[in-house]
Protein backbone atom coordinates (compact mmCIF):
# COMPACT_ATOMS: atom_id res chain seq x y z
CA UNK A 1 0.31 14.45 28.23
CA UNK A 2 2.39 17.19 29.85
CA UNK A 3 1.53 20.86 29.58
CA UNK A 4 4.44 21.69 27.27
CA UNK A 5 3.62 18.89 24.83
CA UNK A 6 -0.02 19.91 24.85
CA UNK A 7 0.95 23.54 24.18
CA UNK A 8 3.22 22.46 21.33
CA UNK A 9 0.43 20.41 19.75
CA UNK A 10 -1.97 23.36 20.06
CA UNK A 11 0.56 25.74 18.47
CA UNK A 12 1.50 23.55 15.55
CA UNK A 13 -2.07 22.43 14.86
CA UNK A 14 -2.60 26.01 13.66
CA UNK A 15 0.00 25.27 10.97
CA UNK A 16 -1.93 22.22 9.75
CA UNK A 17 0.12 19.67 11.70
CA UNK A 18 -1.71 16.58 12.91
CA UNK A 19 -0.65 14.37 15.81
CA UNK A 20 -1.43 10.66 15.37
CA UNK A 21 -1.04 8.12 18.14
CA UNK A 22 -0.41 4.51 17.30
CA UNK A 23 -3.04 2.11 18.54
CA UNK A 24 -1.82 -0.15 21.30
CA UNK A 25 0.99 2.18 22.38
CA UNK A 26 0.69 3.87 25.73
CA UNK A 27 4.24 5.13 26.14
CA UNK A 28 3.75 8.63 24.73
CA UNK A 29 4.86 7.77 21.19
CA UNK A 30 2.94 9.63 18.49
CA UNK A 31 3.84 10.87 15.03
CA UNK A 32 3.39 14.34 13.57
CA UNK A 33 2.11 14.71 10.01
CA UNK A 34 1.93 17.65 7.65
CA UNK A 35 -0.18 17.29 4.52
CA UNK A 36 -0.25 13.53 5.13
CA UNK A 37 3.53 13.19 5.43
CA UNK A 38 5.25 12.21 8.68
CA UNK A 39 8.10 14.48 9.75
CA UNK A 40 8.50 14.00 13.51
CA UNK A 41 7.50 11.80 16.41
CA UNK A 42 7.35 11.99 20.16
CA UNK A 43 9.39 9.47 22.09
CA UNK A 44 7.70 10.77 25.25
CA UNK A 45 5.96 13.90 26.46
CA UNK A 46 9.34 15.60 26.85
CA UNK A 47 11.15 14.49 23.69
CA UNK A 48 10.45 15.11 20.02
CA UNK A 49 12.47 13.52 17.23
CA UNK A 50 12.36 15.96 14.30
CA UNK A 51 13.48 15.42 10.71
CA UNK A 52 15.52 18.39 9.45
CA UNK A 53 18.11 18.94 6.77
CA UNK A 54 21.80 18.74 7.70
CA UNK A 55 22.33 22.43 6.81
CA UNK A 56 19.50 23.46 9.17
CA UNK A 57 20.88 21.27 11.95
CA UNK A 58 24.33 22.85 11.48
CA UNK A 59 23.02 26.41 11.14
CA UNK A 60 20.92 26.03 14.30
CA UNK A 61 23.83 24.50 16.21
CA UNK A 62 21.77 21.44 17.11
CA UNK A 63 23.50 18.41 18.57
CA UNK A 64 22.26 14.97 19.45
CA UNK A 65 21.72 14.70 23.22
CA UNK A 66 24.57 12.72 24.77
CA UNK A 67 22.17 11.01 27.18
CA UNK A 68 19.76 9.80 24.48
CA UNK A 69 17.90 6.70 25.55
CA UNK A 70 16.04 5.97 22.31
CA UNK A 71 18.85 6.64 19.81
CA UNK A 72 22.13 6.51 21.75
CA UNK A 73 24.23 5.71 18.66
CA UNK A 74 22.62 8.02 16.12
CA UNK A 75 25.01 9.12 13.39
CA UNK A 76 26.24 12.70 13.38
CA UNK A 77 25.14 12.74 9.73
CA UNK A 78 21.54 11.89 10.56
CA UNK A 79 18.77 14.20 9.40
CA UNK A 80 16.91 13.45 12.65
CA UNK A 81 17.49 15.40 15.86
CA UNK A 82 16.07 14.76 19.32
CA UNK A 83 14.70 17.88 20.96
CA UNK A 84 13.76 18.15 24.63
CA UNK A 85 10.72 19.97 26.02
CA UNK A 86 11.47 20.99 29.59
CA UNK A 87 10.99 24.76 29.66
CA UNK A 88 8.93 27.44 27.92
CA UNK A 89 12.11 28.46 26.08
CA UNK A 90 12.37 24.87 24.77
CA UNK A 91 8.73 25.08 23.68
CA UNK A 92 9.38 28.28 21.74
CA UNK A 93 12.51 26.81 20.13
CA UNK A 94 10.84 23.54 19.10
CA UNK A 95 7.79 25.42 17.78
CA UNK A 96 10.05 27.54 15.59
CA UNK A 97 11.87 24.47 14.26
CA UNK A 98 8.58 22.72 13.46
CA UNK A 99 7.37 25.86 11.66
CA UNK A 100 10.59 25.89 9.66
CA UNK A 101 10.16 22.22 8.79
CA UNK A 102 6.58 22.46 7.58
CA UNK A 103 7.36 25.64 5.64
CA UNK A 104 10.09 23.75 3.79
CA UNK A 105 7.76 20.78 3.25
CA UNK A 106 5.16 23.06 1.66
CA UNK A 107 7.65 24.61 -0.75
């Protein structure tokens, strides 16, 4: 696990988010749960697929990465968005989006 992924997990654990790996998978895939409900998953240490609403995706100006390996043909109307973790700024941004997601899930 890379440092940024580990830092993200530590940050969001404070919000009540749980990371669950799937047995038998060793490719970095793991799901994130809040109050027993899945809302995101890691494709790898550097990529999180997060479920958001379309208005949040639009308001945040989020776009599907053009070089997506896992979901290269994802619809522009999808509620899922792939987020990359390569810098501390990315870590801060993804943390904020996860906080927004779990806040909306708790409402």
